[in-house]
Amino acid sequence: MKLKLINVLLDDPTLLLIDEPTNHLDIDGIMWFEHFIRHFDNSVIMISHDREFINNTVDEVWEMEKGIT
């Protein structure tokens, strides 16, 4: 999983769509990825339940709920 992530990041994406990025990373990987996201100049849309990771990496949080139909 780490190699796949690195491969994607080496392509210099303009948008990252990430679902639970810390699930398969050890603490060193999480710290490296936090640093990467903080210095990433493009857009990131991320789904995560890792509150500490979110607090350390994002400027804005959107919460979505299932609406009434």
C-alpha atoms as a PDB file:
ATOM      1  CA  MET A   1       0.000   0.000   0.000  1.00  0.00           C
ATOM      2  CA  LYS A   2       2.856   2.385   0.829  1.00  0.00           C
ATOM      3  CA  LEU A   3       4.453   1.764  -2.571  1.00  0.00           C
ATOM      4  CA  LYS A   4       1.158   2.437  -4.336  1.00  0.00           C
ATOM      5  CA  LEU A   5       0.762   5.722  -2.429  1.00  0.00           C
ATOM      6  CA  ILE A   6       4.314   6.793  -3.260  1.00  0.00           C
ATOM      7  CA  ASN A   7       3.768   5.907  -6.915  1.00  0.00           C
ATOM      8  CA  VAL A   8       0.645   8.101  -7.061  1.00  0.00           C
ATOM      9  CA  LEU A   9       2.396  11.012  -5.321  1.00  0.00           C
ATOM     10  CA  LEU A  10       5.371  10.857  -7.693  1.00  0.00           C
ATOM     11  CA  ASP A  11       2.993  11.602 -10.589  1.00  0.00           C
ATOM     12  CA  ASP A  12       2.590  15.142  -9.166  1.00  0.00           C
ATOM     13  CA  PRO A  13      -1.232  15.105  -9.024  1.00  0.00           C
ATOM     14  CA  THR A  14      -3.260  18.314  -9.049  1.00  0.00           C
ATOM     15  CA  LEU A  15      -6.001  16.741  -6.915  1.00  0.00           C
ATOM     16  CA  LEU A  16      -5.788  14.012  -4.291  1.00  0.00           C
ATOM     17  CA  LEU A  17      -8.930  12.055  -3.421  1.00  0.00           C
ATOM     18  CA  ILE A  18      -8.014  10.046  -0.337  1.00  0.00           C
ATOM     19  CA  ASP A  19     -10.111   7.608   1.688  1.00  0.00           C
ATOM     20  CA  GLU A  20      -8.759   6.766   5.163  1.00  0.00           C
ATOM     21  CA  PRO A  21      -5.090   7.408   4.288  1.00  0.00           C
ATOM     22  CA  THR A  22      -3.688   6.489   7.700  1.00  0.00           C
ATOM     23  CA  ASN A  23      -5.237   2.992   7.875  1.00  0.00           C
ATOM     24  CA  HIS A  24      -2.229   1.224   6.360  1.00  0.00           C
ATOM     25  CA  LEU A  25       0.593   3.495   7.562  1.00  0.00           C
ATOM     26  CA  ASP A  26       2.826   3.122  10.599  1.00  0.00           C
ATOM     27  CA  ILE A  27       3.606   6.158  12.765  1.00  0.00           C
ATOM     28  CA  ASP A  28       6.613   7.149  10.619  1.00  0.00           C
ATOM     29  CA  GLY A  29       4.483   6.901   7.480  1.00  0.00           C
ATOM     30  CA  ILE A  30       1.734   8.999   9.046  1.00  0.00           C
ATOM     31  CA  MET A  31       4.209  11.679  10.097  1.00  0.00           C
ATOM     32  CA  TRP A  32       5.764  11.760   6.608  1.00  0.00           C
ATOM     33  CA  PHE A  33       2.323  11.927   4.970  1.00  0.00           C
ATOM     34  CA  GLU A  34       1.203  14.735   7.311  1.00  0.00           C
ATOM     35  CA  HIS A  35       4.247  16.743   6.267  1.00  0.00           C
ATOM     36  CA  PHE A  36       3.560  15.993   2.591  1.00  0.00           C
ATOM     37  CA  ILE A  37      -0.098  17.078   2.804  1.00  0.00           C
ATOM     38  CA  ARG A  38       0.745  20.274   4.721  1.00  0.00           C
ATOM     39  CA  HIS A  39       3.158  21.279   1.947  1.00  0.00           C
ATOM     40  CA  PHE A  40       1.050  20.013  -0.990  1.00  0.00           C
ATOM     41  CA  ASP A  41       0.197  23.017  -3.171  1.00  0.00           C
ATOM     42  CA  ASN A  42      -2.851  21.495  -4.826  1.00  0.00           C
ATOM     43  CA  SER A  43      -6.273  20.332  -3.651  1.00  0.00           C
ATOM     44  CA  VAL A  44      -7.001  17.421  -1.322  1.00  0.00           C
ATOM     45  CA  ILE A  45     -10.369  15.852  -0.628  1.00  0.00           C
ATOM     46  CA  MET A  46     -10.011  13.382   2.205  1.00  0.00           C
ATOM     47  CA  ILE A  47     -12.244  11.069   4.176  1.00  0.00           C
ATOM     48  CA  SER A  48     -10.729  10.146   7.524  1.00  0.00           C
ATOM     49  CA  HIS A  49     -11.736   9.249  11.055  1.00  0.00           C
ATOM     50  CA  ASP A  50      -8.211   9.997  12.302  1.00  0.00           C
ATOM     51  CA  ARG A  51      -8.988  13.263  14.092  1.00  0.00           C
ATOM     52  CA  GLU A  52      -5.351  14.034  14.914  1.00  0.00           C
ATOM     53  CA  PHE A  53      -4.307  13.549  11.277  1.00  0.00           C
ATOM     54  CA  ILE A  54      -7.144  15.803  10.110  1.00  0.00           C
ATOM     55  CA  ASN A  55      -6.289  18.501  12.645  1.00  0.00           C
ATOM     56  CA  ASN A  56      -2.648  18.424  11.544  1.00  0.00           C
ATOM     57  CA  THR A  57      -3.286  18.559   7.791  1.00  0.00           C
ATOM     58  CA  VAL A  58      -6.416  20.448   6.753  1.00  0.00           C
ATOM     59  CA  ASP A  59      -7.630  24.041   6.734  1.00  0.00           C
ATOM     60  CA  GLU A  60     -11.314  23.312   6.311  1.00  0.00           C
ATOM     61  CA  VAL A  61     -13.594  20.442   7.355  1.00  0.00           C
ATOM     62  CA  TRP A  62     -16.872  19.586   5.679  1.00  0.00           C
ATOM     63  CA  GLU A  63     -19.207  17.238   7.498  1.00  0.00           C
ATOM     64  CA  MET A  64     -21.762  15.430   5.428  1.00  0.00           C
ATOM     65  CA  GLU A  65     -24.882  13.755   6.762  1.00  0.00           C
ATOM     66  CA  LYS A  66     -27.506  11.674   5.107  1.00  0.00           C
ATOM     67  CA  GLY A  67     -30.352  14.034   4.287  1.00  0.00           C
ATOM     68  CA  ILE A  68     -34.067  13.499   4.578  1.00  0.00           C
ATOM     69  CA  THR A  69     -35.541  12.179   1.361  1.00  0.00           C
END
